[in-house]
Amino acid sequence: MVTPMERIPQADRKTKELDLSPEDIAGMVDHTQLSPYKATKQIKELCDEAKAYNFYCVCVHPFWTKFCANELKGTDIVIATVAGFPLGQSTTEIKAKEARKAVEDGATEVDMVMNVSAFKDKNYDLVKDDIRAVVEASNGCPVKVILETGFMTYEEITQASLLVKEARAHFVKSSTGFGPMGATIPHIWLMREAVGEGYGVKASGGINDFKDALRMIAAGANRLGTSAGVKIIDSYTWARYTDWDVEEIPCRLCPSRKANFDKMPKGTFQYYKMKCVDCPFREFNRFYE
């Protein structure tokens, strides 16, 4: 049986086998700006870049939904807005109202944050009801549910992904970009394994270059949330004419290497650090000593 860790070199090697054009990758990108301080100029640039590169989507805070709807009028570019962002601790009623208002303002997708606290309490009915309320309030628009995988063990990621699917959302999404770890190959693979083919898996958080993007696709993602979309496409366009290297020391891409004591539940941090003990790639740890 292949372990999540063993998926790292597999995905790394697979990146060069992917028959994807820059346009193909652009068509998977949610061009994202969720900074708390960006102003009108930067949001307009986001929309202009989305049009120039034909990104699938722009993803913004609810405040900017109407603005983006106006800027992207007449295009096929999707507008995604967040709900319960970034902590997922809003009440169900507030999340649903955020989603409903976002759709009224022109959003065509909603990225909501799962209630991780309720999940940790194993209050799975509340988690599913929370998601269902947003799905219903979104009036048929696709809903992506952010797990914040950096707070979860491998087993919890599988369980959470199944709950999202049971609640009839349309995508399971890895991270907000504000939590620990961001998207990792093992986490995306586990999400895809849980929901099966034909379901949405969005990798988000820390995808900063074309190799990151390709790794996430190789692991099972069919959408990419990133603020580095322009850099990814431009660098990949050039790289396709060069003999670029792919394989990295597996530890660099491992969730255990990214575990952060100050930002994660203590038990989850310890869980990932213990994964190093019997890891088949533990000899690579010497590169970090």
C-alpha atoms as a PDB file:
ATOM      1  CA  MET A   1       0.000   0.000   0.000  1.00  0.00           C
ATOM      2  CA  VAL A   2       1.401   3.390  -1.020  1.00  0.00           C
ATOM      3  CA  THR A   3       1.617   5.876   1.849  1.00  0.00           C
ATOM      4  CA  PRO A   4       0.807   9.594   1.477  1.00  0.00           C
ATOM      5  CA  MET A   5       4.514  10.384   1.875  1.00  0.00           C
ATOM      6  CA  GLU A   6       5.428   8.050  -0.989  1.00  0.00           C
ATOM      7  CA  ARG A   7       3.113  10.066  -3.229  1.00  0.00           C
ATOM      8  CA  ILE A   8       5.569  12.966  -3.127  1.00  0.00           C
ATOM      9  CA  PRO A   9       8.245  11.522  -5.458  1.00  0.00           C
ATOM     10  CA  GLN A  10       5.509   9.949  -7.592  1.00  0.00           C
ATOM     11  CA  ALA A  11       3.821  13.311  -8.134  1.00  0.00           C
ATOM     12  CA  ASP A  12       7.167  15.006  -8.636  1.00  0.00           C
ATOM     13  CA  ARG A  13       8.091  12.610 -11.445  1.00  0.00           C
ATOM     14  CA  LYS A  14       4.637  12.834 -12.993  1.00  0.00           C
ATOM     15  CA  THR A  15       4.891  16.581 -13.534  1.00  0.00           C
ATOM     16  CA  LYS A  16       6.987  16.160 -16.681  1.00  0.00           C
ATOM     17  CA  GLU A  17       4.502  13.652 -18.046  1.00  0.00           C
ATOM     18  CA  LEU A  18       1.567  16.047 -17.837  1.00  0.00           C
ATOM     19  CA  ASP A  19       0.527  17.136 -21.308  1.00  0.00           C
ATOM     20  CA  LEU A  20      -0.640  20.605 -20.331  1.00  0.00           C
ATOM     21  CA  SER A  21      -0.246  23.875 -22.184  1.00  0.00           C
ATOM     22  CA  PRO A  22       0.055  27.200 -20.353  1.00  0.00           C
ATOM     23  CA  GLU A  23      -3.525  27.856 -21.470  1.00  0.00           C
ATOM     24  CA  ASP A  24      -4.636  24.591 -19.876  1.00  0.00           C
ATOM     25  CA  ILE A  25      -3.139  25.588 -16.550  1.00  0.00           C
ATOM     26  CA  ALA A  26      -4.538  29.126 -16.765  1.00  0.00           C
ATOM     27  CA  GLY A  27      -7.952  27.533 -17.213  1.00  0.00           C
ATOM     28  CA  MET A  28      -7.536  25.889 -13.790  1.00  0.00           C
ATOM     29  CA  VAL A  29      -6.393  28.994 -11.888  1.00  0.00           C
ATOM     30  CA  ASP A  30      -8.493  30.918  -9.400  1.00  0.00           C
ATOM     31  CA  HIS A  31      -6.572  34.200  -9.582  1.00  0.00           C
ATOM     32  CA  THR A  32      -6.734  35.254  -5.950  1.00  0.00           C
ATOM     33  CA  GLN A  33      -6.400  38.445  -3.955  1.00  0.00           C
ATOM     34  CA  LEU A  34      -7.459  38.021  -0.330  1.00  0.00           C
ATOM     35  CA  SER A  35      -5.040  40.416   1.295  1.00  0.00           C
ATOM     36  CA  PRO A  36      -6.694  42.631   3.932  1.00  0.00           C
ATOM     37  CA  TYR A  37      -5.126  45.834   2.622  1.00  0.00           C
ATOM     38  CA  LYS A  38      -5.152  45.808  -1.195  1.00  0.00           C
ATOM     39  CA  ALA A  39      -7.014  48.749  -2.698  1.00  0.00           C
ATOM     40  CA  THR A  40      -8.971  49.431  -5.887  1.00  0.00           C
ATOM     41  CA  LYS A  41      -5.859  49.664  -8.075  1.00  0.00           C
ATOM     42  CA  GLN A  42      -4.722  46.159  -7.124  1.00  0.00           C
ATOM     43  CA  ILE A  43      -8.178  44.609  -7.546  1.00  0.00           C
ATOM     44  CA  LYS A  44      -8.489  46.170 -10.992  1.00  0.00           C
ATOM     45  CA  GLU A  45      -5.067  44.739 -11.864  1.00  0.00           C
ATOM     46  CA  LEU A  46      -6.298  41.338 -10.702  1.00  0.00           C
ATOM     47  CA  CYS A  47      -9.243  41.564 -13.110  1.00  0.00           C
ATOM     48  CA  ASP A  48      -7.075  42.867 -15.958  1.00  0.00           C
ATOM     49  CA  GLU A  49      -4.633  39.987 -15.465  1.00  0.00           C
ATOM     50  CA  ALA A  50      -7.492  37.495 -15.407  1.00  0.00           C
ATOM     51  CA  LYS A  51      -8.667  38.819 -18.773  1.00  0.00           C
ATOM     52  CA  ALA A  52      -5.167  38.918 -20.263  1.00  0.00           C
ATOM     53  CA  TYR A  53      -4.308  35.350 -19.185  1.00  0.00           C
ATOM     54  CA  ASN A  54      -7.820  33.929 -19.428  1.00  0.00           C
ATOM     55  CA  PHE A  55      -7.743  32.616 -15.884  1.00  0.00           C
ATOM     56  CA  TYR A  56     -10.774  30.580 -14.915  1.00  0.00           C
ATOM     57  CA  CYS A  57     -11.711  32.718 -11.949  1.00  0.00           C
ATOM     58  CA  VAL A  58     -10.914  35.648  -9.705  1.00  0.00           C
ATOM     59  CA  CYS A  59     -11.321  35.083  -5.973  1.00  0.00           C
ATOM     60  CA  VAL A  60     -11.836  38.142  -3.746  1.00  0.00           C
ATOM     61  CA  HIS A  61     -13.321  39.288  -0.472  1.00  0.00           C
ATOM     62  CA  PRO A  62     -17.090  39.993  -0.504  1.00  0.00           C
ATOM     63  CA  PHE A  63     -16.468  43.748  -0.480  1.00  0.00           C
ATOM     64  CA  TRP A  64     -14.991  43.523  -3.983  1.00  0.00           C
ATOM     65  CA  THR A  65     -17.615  41.275  -5.572  1.00  0.00           C
ATOM     66  CA  LYS A  66     -19.650  44.017  -7.247  1.00  0.00           C
ATOM     67  CA  PHE A  67     -16.504  45.754  -8.447  1.00  0.00           C
ATOM     68  CA  CYS A  68     -15.176  42.583 -10.070  1.00  0.00           C
ATOM     69  CA  ALA A  69     -18.558  41.768 -11.579  1.00  0.00           C
ATOM     70  CA  ASN A  70     -18.495  45.131 -13.299  1.00  0.00           C
ATOM     71  CA  GLU A  71     -14.848  44.843 -14.394  1.00  0.00           C
ATOM     72  CA  LEU A  72     -15.383  41.353 -15.833  1.00  0.00           C
ATOM     73  CA  LYS A  73     -18.751  41.982 -17.447  1.00  0.00           C
ATOM     74  CA  GLY A  74     -18.943  40.375 -20.883  1.00  0.00           C
ATOM     75  CA  THR A  75     -16.240  37.780 -20.124  1.00  0.00           C
ATOM     76  CA  ASP A  76     -16.515  34.125 -19.122  1.00  0.00           C
ATOM     77  CA  ILE A  77     -14.356  34.634 -16.049  1.00  0.00           C
ATOM     78  CA  VAL A  78     -15.952  33.306 -12.884  1.00  0.00           C
ATOM     79  CA  ILE A  79     -16.140  35.446  -9.734  1.00  0.00           C
ATOM     80  CA  ALA A  80     -15.598  33.639  -6.441  1.00  0.00           C
ATOM     81  CA  THR A  81     -16.209  35.195  -3.041  1.00  0.00           C
ATOM     82  CA  VAL A  82     -15.375  33.814   0.409  1.00  0.00           C
ATOM     83  CA  ALA A  83     -17.692  33.102   3.342  1.00  0.00           C
ATOM     84  CA  GLY A  84     -16.703  32.553   6.969  1.00  0.00           C
ATOM     85  CA  PHE A  85     -13.188  33.549   5.951  1.00  0.00           C
ATOM     86  CA  PRO A  86     -10.516  32.912   7.118  1.00  0.00           C
ATOM     87  CA  LEU A  87     -11.340  31.128  10.401  1.00  0.00           C
ATOM     88  CA  GLY A  88     -14.629  29.360   9.667  1.00  0.00           C
ATOM     89  CA  GLN A  89     -15.971  30.379  13.080  1.00  0.00           C
ATOM     90  CA  SER A  90     -18.891  32.513  11.926  1.00  0.00           C
ATOM     91  CA  THR A  91     -22.300  31.091  12.733  1.00  0.00           C
ATOM     92  CA  THR A  92     -24.077  29.100  10.064  1.00  0.00           C
ATOM     93  CA  GLU A  93     -26.616  31.905   9.645  1.00  0.00           C
ATOM     94  CA  ILE A  94     -23.897  34.475   8.965  1.00  0.00           C
ATOM     95  CA  LYS A  95     -22.100  32.220   6.474  1.00  0.00           C
ATOM     96  CA  ALA A  96     -25.354  31.629   4.609  1.00  0.00           C
ATOM     97  CA  LYS A  97     -26.120  35.358   4.521  1.00  0.00           C
ATOM     98  CA  GLU A  98     -22.619  36.078   3.214  1.00  0.00           C
ATOM     99  CA  ALA A  99     -23.106  33.532   0.455  1.00  0.00           C
ATOM    100  CA  ARG A 100     -26.563  34.809  -0.478  1.00  0.00           C
ATOM    101  CA  LYS A 101     -25.370  38.432  -0.618  1.00  0.00           C
ATOM    102  CA  ALA A 102     -22.310  37.436  -2.644  1.00  0.00           C
ATOM    103  CA  VAL A 103     -24.472  35.785  -5.298  1.00  0.00           C
ATOM    104  CA  GLU A 104     -26.767  38.836  -5.380  1.00  0.00           C
ATOM    105  CA  ASP A 105     -23.682  41.007  -5.937  1.00  0.00           C
ATOM    106  CA  GLY A 106     -22.475  38.917  -8.877  1.00  0.00           C
ATOM    107  CA  ALA A 107     -20.467  36.034  -7.425  1.00  0.00           C
ATOM    108  CA  THR A 108     -20.810  32.772  -9.326  1.00  0.00           C
ATOM    109  CA  GLU A 109     -18.849  30.601  -6.843  1.00  0.00           C
ATOM    110  CA  VAL A 110     -18.505  30.653  -3.059  1.00  0.00           C
ATOM    111  CA  ASP A 111     -15.436  29.463  -1.118  1.00  0.00           C
ATOM    112  CA  MET A 112     -16.491  28.820   2.478  1.00  0.00           C
ATOM    113  CA  VAL A 113     -14.348  27.807   5.458  1.00  0.00           C
ATOM    114  CA  MET A 114     -15.425  24.671   7.286  1.00  0.00           C
ATOM    115  CA  ASN A 115     -16.052  24.874  11.029  1.00  0.00           C
ATOM    116  CA  VAL A 116     -12.842  23.133  12.096  1.00  0.00           C
ATOM    117  CA  SER A 117     -13.692  23.399  15.802  1.00  0.00           C
ATOM    118  CA  ALA A 118     -16.936  21.485  15.324  1.00  0.00           C
ATOM    119  CA  PHE A 119     -15.070  18.926  13.221  1.00  0.00           C
ATOM    120  CA  LYS A 120     -12.447  18.441  15.939  1.00  0.00           C
ATOM    121  CA  ASP A 121     -15.317  17.861  18.390  1.00  0.00           C
ATOM    122  CA  LYS A 122     -16.607  15.182  15.995  1.00  0.00           C
ATOM    123  CA  ASN A 123     -19.821  17.174  15.665  1.00  0.00           C
ATOM    124  CA  TYR A 124     -20.173  15.995  12.092  1.00  0.00           C
ATOM    125  CA  ASP A 125     -23.875  16.807  11.809  1.00  0.00           C
ATOM    126  CA  LEU A 126     -23.172  20.448  12.601  1.00  0.00           C
ATOM    127  CA  VAL A 127     -20.349  20.508  10.050  1.00  0.00           C
ATOM    128  CA  LYS A 128     -22.614  19.115   7.326  1.00  0.00           C
ATOM    129  CA  ASP A 129     -25.517  21.393   8.259  1.00  0.00           C
ATOM    130  CA  ASP A 130     -23.154  24.393   8.118  1.00  0.00           C
ATOM    131  CA  ILE A 131     -22.057  23.426   4.604  1.00  0.00           C
ATOM    132  CA  ARG A 132     -25.576  22.611   3.396  1.00  0.00           C
ATOM    133  CA  ALA A 133     -26.829  26.009   4.515  1.00  0.00           C
ATOM    134  CA  VAL A 134     -24.216  27.740   2.369  1.00  0.00           C
ATOM    135  CA  VAL A 135     -24.918  25.432  -0.576  1.00  0.00           C
ATOM    136  CA  GLU A 136     -28.627  26.282  -0.395  1.00  0.00           C
ATOM    137  CA  ALA A 137     -27.948  30.009   0.039  1.00  0.00           C
ATOM    138  CA  SER A 138     -25.657  29.994  -3.002  1.00  0.00           C
ATOM    139  CA  ASN A 139     -28.642  29.272  -5.232  1.00  0.00           C
ATOM    140  CA  GLY A 140     -27.001  26.690  -7.484  1.00  0.00           C
ATOM    141  CA  CYS A 141     -23.558  28.328  -7.651  1.00  0.00           C
ATOM    142  CA  PRO A 142     -20.676  25.933  -6.933  1.00  0.00           C
ATOM    143  CA  VAL A 143     -19.475  25.902  -3.329  1.00  0.00           C
ATOM    144  CA  LYS A 144     -15.890  25.044  -2.369  1.00  0.00           C
ATOM    145  CA  VAL A 145     -15.287  24.037   1.236  1.00  0.00           C
ATOM    146  CA  ILE A 146     -11.910  24.961   2.751  1.00  0.00           C
ATOM    147  CA  LEU A 147     -10.680  22.348   5.220  1.00  0.00           C
ATOM    148  CA  GLU A 148      -7.542  24.166   6.442  1.00  0.00           C
ATOM    149  CA  THR A 149      -5.627  20.912   6.180  1.00  0.00           C
ATOM    150  CA  GLY A 150      -2.713  22.214   8.263  1.00  0.00           C
ATOM    151  CA  PHE A 151      -4.903  21.716  11.331  1.00  0.00           C
ATOM    152  CA  MET A 152      -5.661  18.083  10.448  1.00  0.00           C
ATOM    153  CA  THR A 153      -4.069  14.648  10.448  1.00  0.00           C
ATOM    154  CA  TYR A 154      -4.148  12.474   7.338  1.00  0.00           C
ATOM    155  CA  GLU A 155      -7.115  10.538   8.734  1.00  0.00           C
ATOM    156  CA  GLU A 156      -9.005  13.740   9.524  1.00  0.00           C
ATOM    157  CA  ILE A 157      -8.436  15.089   6.014  1.00  0.00           C
ATOM    158  CA  THR A 158     -10.049  11.972   4.576  1.00  0.00           C
ATOM    159  CA  GLN A 159     -12.990  12.221   6.999  1.00  0.00           C
ATOM    160  CA  ALA A 160     -13.494  15.936   6.363  1.00  0.00           C
ATOM    161  CA  SER A 161     -13.418  15.443   2.591  1.00  0.00           C
ATOM    162  CA  LEU A 162     -16.114  12.789   2.843  1.00  0.00           C
ATOM    163  CA  LEU A 163     -18.287  15.111   4.952  1.00  0.00           C
ATOM    164  CA  VAL A 164     -17.976  17.860   2.340  1.00  0.00           C
ATOM    165  CA  LYS A 165     -19.134  15.478  -0.361  1.00  0.00           C
ATOM    166  CA  GLU A 166     -22.001  14.185   1.786  1.00  0.00           C
ATOM    167  CA  ALA A 167     -23.121  17.781   2.360  1.00  0.00           C
ATOM    168  CA  ARG A 168     -23.427  18.207  -1.413  1.00  0.00           C
ATOM    169  CA  ALA A 169     -20.846  20.929  -1.845  1.00  0.00           C
ATOM    170  CA  HIS A 170     -19.027  20.920  -5.183  1.00  0.00           C
ATOM    171  CA  PHE A 171     -15.353  21.164  -4.217  1.00  0.00           C
ATOM    172  CA  VAL A 172     -13.112  20.312  -1.326  1.00  0.00           C
ATOM    173  CA  LYS A 173     -10.325  22.869  -0.925  1.00  0.00           C
ATOM    174  CA  SER A 174      -7.107  22.589   1.058  1.00  0.00           C
ATOM    175  CA  SER A 175      -6.314  25.921   2.679  1.00  0.00           C
ATOM    176  CA  THR A 176      -7.123  29.586   3.160  1.00  0.00           C
ATOM    177  CA  GLY A 177      -3.520  30.610   2.652  1.00  0.00           C
ATOM    178  CA  PHE A 178      -3.536  32.086   6.166  1.00  0.00           C
ATOM    179  CA  GLY A 179      -3.156  28.821   8.103  1.00  0.00           C
ATOM    180  CA  PRO A 180      -0.145  26.502   8.468  1.00  0.00           C
ATOM    181  CA  MET A 181       1.374  24.408   5.677  1.00  0.00           C
ATOM    182  CA  GLY A 182      -0.762  25.427   2.698  1.00  0.00           C
ATOM    183  CA  ALA A 183      -1.302  22.862  -0.053  1.00  0.00           C
ATOM    184  CA  THR A 184       0.887  19.729   0.040  1.00  0.00           C
ATOM    185  CA  ILE A 185       1.052  16.709  -2.238  1.00  0.00           C
ATOM    186  CA  PRO A 186      -0.052  14.157   0.402  1.00  0.00           C
ATOM    187  CA  HIS A 187      -3.003  16.300   1.473  1.00  0.00           C
ATOM    188  CA  ILE A 188      -4.254  16.865  -2.072  1.00  0.00           C
ATOM    189  CA  TRP A 189      -3.836  13.179  -2.854  1.00  0.00           C
ATOM    190  CA  LEU A 190      -5.851  12.207   0.247  1.00  0.00           C
ATOM    191  CA  MET A 191      -8.607  14.643  -0.704  1.00  0.00           C
ATOM    192  CA  ARG A 192      -8.806  13.207  -4.224  1.00  0.00           C
ATOM    193  CA  GLU A 193      -8.785   9.634  -2.914  1.00  0.00           C
ATOM    194  CA  ALA A 194     -11.669  10.458  -0.557  1.00  0.00           C
ATOM    195  CA  VAL A 195     -13.996  12.208  -3.022  1.00  0.00           C
ATOM    196  CA  GLY A 196     -13.136  10.176  -6.128  1.00  0.00           C
ATOM    197  CA  GLU A 197     -12.812  11.255  -9.728  1.00  0.00           C
ATOM    198  CA  GLY A 198     -15.294  13.706 -11.184  1.00  0.00           C
ATOM    199  CA  TYR A 199     -15.437  15.790  -8.003  1.00  0.00           C
ATOM    200  CA  GLY A 200     -13.776  19.133  -7.440  1.00  0.00           C
ATOM    201  CA  VAL A 201     -10.456  19.345  -5.595  1.00  0.00           C
ATOM    202  CA  LYS A 202      -8.886  22.769  -5.207  1.00  0.00           C
ATOM    203  CA  ALA A 203      -5.294  23.150  -4.054  1.00  0.00           C
ATOM    204  CA  SER A 204      -4.684  26.492  -2.388  1.00  0.00           C
ATOM    205  CA  GLY A 205      -1.979  27.975  -0.204  1.00  0.00           C
ATOM    206  CA  GLY A 206       1.695  28.411  -1.042  1.00  0.00           C
ATOM    207  CA  ILE A 207       1.468  27.636  -4.775  1.00  0.00           C
ATOM    208  CA  ASN A 208       4.119  30.060  -5.949  1.00  0.00           C
ATOM    209  CA  ASP A 209       5.633  28.683  -9.157  1.00  0.00           C
ATOM    210  CA  PHE A 210       4.810  26.390 -12.052  1.00  0.00           C
ATOM    211  CA  LYS A 211       6.419  23.363 -10.395  1.00  0.00           C
ATOM    212  CA  ASP A 212       4.147  23.795  -7.375  1.00  0.00           C
ATOM    213  CA  ALA A 213       1.163  24.044  -9.714  1.00  0.00           C
ATOM    214  CA  LEU A 214       2.111  20.937 -11.662  1.00  0.00           C
ATOM    215  CA  ARG A 215       2.712  18.959  -8.476  1.00  0.00           C
ATOM    216  CA  MET A 216      -0.760  19.819  -7.212  1.00  0.00           C
ATOM    217  CA  ILE A 217      -2.308  18.754 -10.510  1.00  0.00           C
ATOM    218  CA  ALA A 218      -0.296  15.528 -10.471  1.00  0.00           C
ATOM    219  CA  ALA A 219      -1.547  14.871  -6.922  1.00  0.00           C
ATOM    220  CA  GLY A 220      -5.176  15.225  -7.995  1.00  0.00           C
ATOM    221  CA  ALA A 221      -6.197  18.899  -8.030  1.00  0.00           C
ATOM    222  CA  ASN A 222      -8.351  20.223 -10.848  1.00  0.00           C
ATOM    223  CA  ARG A 223      -8.359  23.831  -9.601  1.00  0.00           C
ATOM    224  CA  LEU A 224      -5.552  25.976  -8.208  1.00  0.00           C
ATOM    225  CA  GLY A 225      -5.990  28.916  -5.877  1.00  0.00           C
ATOM    226  CA  THR A 226      -3.022  31.275  -6.072  1.00  0.00           C
ATOM    227  CA  SER A 227      -2.019  34.916  -6.133  1.00  0.00           C
ATOM    228  CA  ALA A 228       0.982  33.979  -8.285  1.00  0.00           C
ATOM    229  CA  GLY A 229      -0.969  33.044 -11.418  1.00  0.00           C
ATOM    230  CA  VAL A 230       0.906  35.403 -13.738  1.00  0.00           C
ATOM    231  CA  LYS A 231       4.287  34.191 -12.491  1.00  0.00           C
ATOM    232  CA  ILE A 232       3.198  30.555 -12.841  1.00  0.00           C
ATOM    233  CA  ILE A 233       2.034  30.905 -16.439  1.00  0.00           C
ATOM    234  CA  ASP A 234       4.935  33.091 -17.600  1.00  0.00           C
ATOM    235  CA  SER A 235       7.573  30.831 -16.050  1.00  0.00           C
ATOM    236  CA  TYR A 236       5.907  27.674 -17.359  1.00  0.00           C
ATOM    237  CA  THR A 237       5.689  29.109 -20.873  1.00  0.00           C
ATOM    238  CA  TRP A 238       9.465  29.560 -20.873  1.00  0.00           C
ATOM    239  CA  ALA A 239      10.253  26.328 -19.016  1.00  0.00           C
ATOM    240  CA  ARG A 240       8.543  24.193 -21.660  1.00  0.00           C
ATOM    241  CA  TYR A 241      11.413  25.064 -24.008  1.00  0.00           C
ATOM    242  CA  THR A 242      14.105  24.155 -21.479  1.00  0.00           C
ATOM    243  CA  ASP A 243      15.195  20.997 -19.706  1.00  0.00           C
ATOM    244  CA  TRP A 244      13.971  21.902 -16.231  1.00  0.00           C
ATOM    245  CA  ASP A 245      14.541  19.645 -13.245  1.00  0.00           C
ATOM    246  CA  VAL A 246      11.659  18.364 -11.166  1.00  0.00           C
ATOM    247  CA  GLU A 247      12.626  15.976  -8.407  1.00  0.00           C
ATOM    248  CA  GLU A 248      13.280  17.552  -5.035  1.00  0.00           C
ATOM    249  CA  ILE A 249      14.445  16.086  -1.759  1.00  0.00           C
ATOM    250  CA  PRO A 250      11.112  14.603  -0.563  1.00  0.00           C
ATOM    251  CA  CYS A 251      11.439  16.198   2.880  1.00  0.00           C
ATOM    252  CA  ARG A 252      11.187  19.683   1.396  1.00  0.00           C
ATOM    253  CA  LEU A 253       7.695  18.900   0.131  1.00  0.00           C
ATOM    254  CA  CYS A 254       6.511  16.937   3.173  1.00  0.00           C
ATOM    255  CA  PRO A 255       3.808  18.219   5.557  1.00  0.00           C
ATOM    256  CA  SER A 256       6.015  17.147   8.476  1.00  0.00           C
ATOM    257  CA  ARG A 257       8.714  19.565   7.342  1.00  0.00           C
ATOM    258  CA  LYS A 258       6.136  22.378   7.228  1.00  0.00           C
ATOM    259  CA  ALA A 259       4.595  21.613  10.629  1.00  0.00           C
ATOM    260  CA  ASN A 260       4.645  24.704  12.847  1.00  0.00           C
ATOM    261  CA  PHE A 261       4.377  24.322  16.633  1.00  0.00           C
ATOM    262  CA  ASP A 262       3.072  27.876  17.115  1.00  0.00           C
ATOM    263  CA  LYS A 263       0.309  27.663  14.508  1.00  0.00           C
ATOM    264  CA  MET A 264      -1.019  24.122  14.828  1.00  0.00           C
ATOM    265  CA  PRO A 265      -2.857  22.090  17.470  1.00  0.00           C
ATOM    266  CA  LYS A 266      -0.234  20.446  19.680  1.00  0.00           C
ATOM    267  CA  GLY A 267      -1.455  16.929  18.903  1.00  0.00           C
ATOM    268  CA  THR A 268      -1.470  17.581  15.162  1.00  0.00           C
ATOM    269  CA  PHE A 269       2.051  19.015  15.281  1.00  0.00           C
ATOM    270  CA  GLN A 270       3.285  15.947  17.147  1.00  0.00           C
ATOM    271  CA  TYR A 271       1.448  13.666  14.714  1.00  0.00           C
ATOM    272  CA  TYR A 272       3.374  15.075  11.759  1.00  0.00           C
ATOM    273  CA  LYS A 273       6.736  15.114  13.518  1.00  0.00           C
ATOM    274  CA  MET A 274       6.312  11.436  14.438  1.00  0.00           C
ATOM    275  CA  LYS A 275       5.782  10.641  10.742  1.00  0.00           C
ATOM    276  CA  CYS A 276       9.498  11.263  10.281  1.00  0.00           C
ATOM    277  CA  VAL A 277      10.416   8.357  12.560  1.00  0.00           C
ATOM    278  CA  ASP A 278       9.445   5.546  10.193  1.00  0.00           C
ATOM    279  CA  CYS A 279       9.461   7.503   6.929  1.00  0.00           C
ATOM    280  CA  PRO A 280      11.046   5.634   4.000  1.00  0.00           C
ATOM    281  CA  PHE A 281      12.833   8.853   3.061  1.00  0.00           C
ATOM    282  CA  ARG A 282      14.200   9.678   6.516  1.00  0.00           C
ATOM    283  CA  GLU A 283      17.793   9.454   5.267  1.00  0.00           C
ATOM    284  CA  PHE A 284      17.163  12.720   3.466  1.00  0.00           C
ATOM    285  CA  ASN A 285      16.874  14.425   6.858  1.00  0.00           C
ATOM    286  CA  ARG A 286      20.650  14.772   6.871  1.00  0.00           C
ATOM    287  CA  PHE A 287      20.303  17.453   4.205  1.00  0.00           C
ATOM    288  CA  TYR A 288      18.585  19.632   6.821  1.00  0.00           C
ATOM    289  CA  GLU A 289      21.012  19.102   9.686  1.00  0.00           C
END
